[in-house]
Every structure is written in structure tokens, then in C-alpha cells.
Amino acid sequence: MEILWMLIVGGIIGWLAGLITGRDVPGGIIGNIIAGFIGAWLGGLIFGDWGPIVGGFAIIPAIIGSIILVLVVSFILRKMGQKNNHSHHA
């Protein structure tokens, strides 16, 4: 049951990050959960564990970490997309 709760909270964190940044997290629900988990880990590393803890996640650092992750991933995907587009024209 605890794992399920963590997956739900992780998914919500990832979904919120996508909503706040206005970018879709690749991979749908699974992508949101992964973004939530990695973002929570990243946020914990950068900002520490403070604020309310829900489902094992420090919510505020987790959301900030997920936002950073979503922005970085979308930036990388966009750059890769641009490279792929240019190589077809050459």
C-alpha cells in the first residue's frame, strides 16, 4: 500500500511540474511518476527535506526539483529535435 501511495504522490508531483512549466512530460502517467521520483530526489539534494512530507516526499523541494527536471529534459529533447531536423536538410 505504501508503494502505491508513493507512486500516486510521485505522479502528482510530476504532473504538477508539467502543468507549471506548460510542458508535457514524455511517457504520460509513467513519465510523470518517474519525473516525480527523480525530481524529488533532485530537489532533496539541492534544497534538502523541508516543508510538508507526503508519501515519503518533501513536497515543496520535490516539486521544485521536478520543475527543474522537466525544463532540462524538454530543453534537451528540443535540442535533439533541432539536430535531427537539421541533419535531414543537409
Protein backbone atom coordinates (compact mmCIF):
# COMPACT_ATOMS: atom_id res chain seq x y z
CA MET A 1 0.00 0.00 0.00
CA GLU A 2 2.85 2.37 0.81
CA ILE A 3 4.39 1.81 -2.66
CA LEU A 4 1.06 2.64 -4.30
CA TRP A 5 0.83 5.86 -2.27
CA MET A 6 4.39 6.79 -3.30
CA LEU A 7 3.55 6.15 -6.97
CA ILE A 8 0.43 8.33 -6.72
CA VAL A 9 2.28 11.18 -4.96
CA GLY A 10 5.22 10.87 -7.38
CA GLY A 11 2.82 11.02 -10.32
CA ILE A 12 1.08 14.10 -8.93
CA ILE A 13 4.45 15.83 -8.38
CA GLY A 14 5.48 15.07 -11.98
CA TRP A 15 2.07 16.16 -13.31
CA LEU A 16 2.26 19.44 -11.34
CA ALA A 17 5.75 20.11 -12.71
CA GLY A 18 4.45 19.61 -16.25
CA LEU A 19 1.46 21.84 -15.54
CA ILE A 20 3.60 24.63 -14.00
CA THR A 21 6.17 24.57 -16.84
CA GLY A 22 3.49 24.22 -19.53
CA ARG A 23 5.33 21.20 -20.96
CA ASP A 24 4.11 17.65 -21.25
CA VAL A 25 6.31 15.10 -19.52
CA PRO A 26 7.12 12.40 -22.10
CA GLY A 27 5.69 8.97 -21.24
CA GLY A 28 2.29 10.00 -19.87
CA ILE A 29 1.46 8.77 -16.36
CA ILE A 30 4.65 6.65 -16.11
CA GLY A 31 6.70 9.65 -17.23
CA ASN A 32 5.01 11.79 -14.57
CA ILE A 33 5.77 9.22 -11.88
CA ILE A 34 9.43 8.95 -12.99
CA ALA A 35 9.73 12.76 -13.18
CA GLY A 36 8.19 12.99 -9.69
CA PHE A 37 10.61 10.45 -8.22
CA ILE A 38 13.73 11.86 -9.91
CA GLY A 39 12.57 15.42 -9.22
CA ALA A 40 12.00 14.59 -5.55
CA TRP A 41 15.50 13.12 -5.34
CA LEU A 42 16.99 16.12 -7.17
CA GLY A 43 15.03 18.60 -5.04
CA GLY A 44 16.13 16.81 -1.87
CA LEU A 45 19.77 17.01 -2.96
CA ILE A 46 19.59 20.72 -3.83
CA PHE A 47 17.14 22.05 -1.26
CA GLY A 48 17.09 19.42 1.49
CA ASP A 49 13.98 17.91 3.07
CA TRP A 50 11.80 20.69 4.48
CA GLY A 51 8.14 21.56 4.39
CA PRO A 52 5.29 19.06 4.47
CA ILE A 53 6.16 15.40 3.89
CA VAL A 54 3.55 13.44 1.92
CA GLY A 55 4.01 9.81 0.91
CA GLY A 56 7.69 9.97 1.82
CA PHE A 57 8.28 13.07 -0.33
CA ALA A 58 9.21 16.52 0.94
CA ILE A 59 6.58 18.10 -1.32
CA ILE A 60 7.98 21.60 -1.94
CA PRO A 61 11.59 20.60 -2.79
CA ALA A 62 10.18 17.64 -4.79
CA ILE A 63 8.01 19.93 -6.95
CA ILE A 64 10.86 22.41 -7.48
CA GLY A 65 13.21 19.54 -8.38
CA SER A 66 10.63 18.11 -10.79
CA ILE A 67 10.16 21.51 -12.45
CA ILE A 68 13.93 21.75 -12.97
CA LEU A 69 13.96 18.20 -14.34
CA VAL A 70 11.04 18.82 -16.74
CA LEU A 71 12.67 22.03 -18.04
CA VAL A 72 16.06 20.33 -18.53
CA VAL A 73 14.55 17.26 -20.24
CA SER A 74 12.33 19.36 -22.55
CA PHE A 75 15.35 21.58 -23.40
CA ILE A 76 17.47 18.50 -24.25
CA LEU A 77 14.65 16.93 -26.30
CA ARG A 78 14.15 20.20 -28.18
CA LYS A 79 17.89 20.48 -28.93
CA MET A 80 17.97 16.85 -30.08
CA GLY A 81 14.90 17.52 -32.25
CA GLN A 82 16.60 20.52 -33.82
CA LYS A 83 19.74 18.49 -34.56
CA ASN A 84 17.67 15.73 -36.15
CA ASN A 85 15.78 18.27 -38.29
CA HIS A 86 19.00 19.92 -39.49
CA SER A 87 20.66 16.62 -40.41
CA HIS A 88 17.75 15.78 -42.75
CA HIS A 89 18.24 19.03 -44.67
CA ALA A 90 21.98 18.56 -45.20
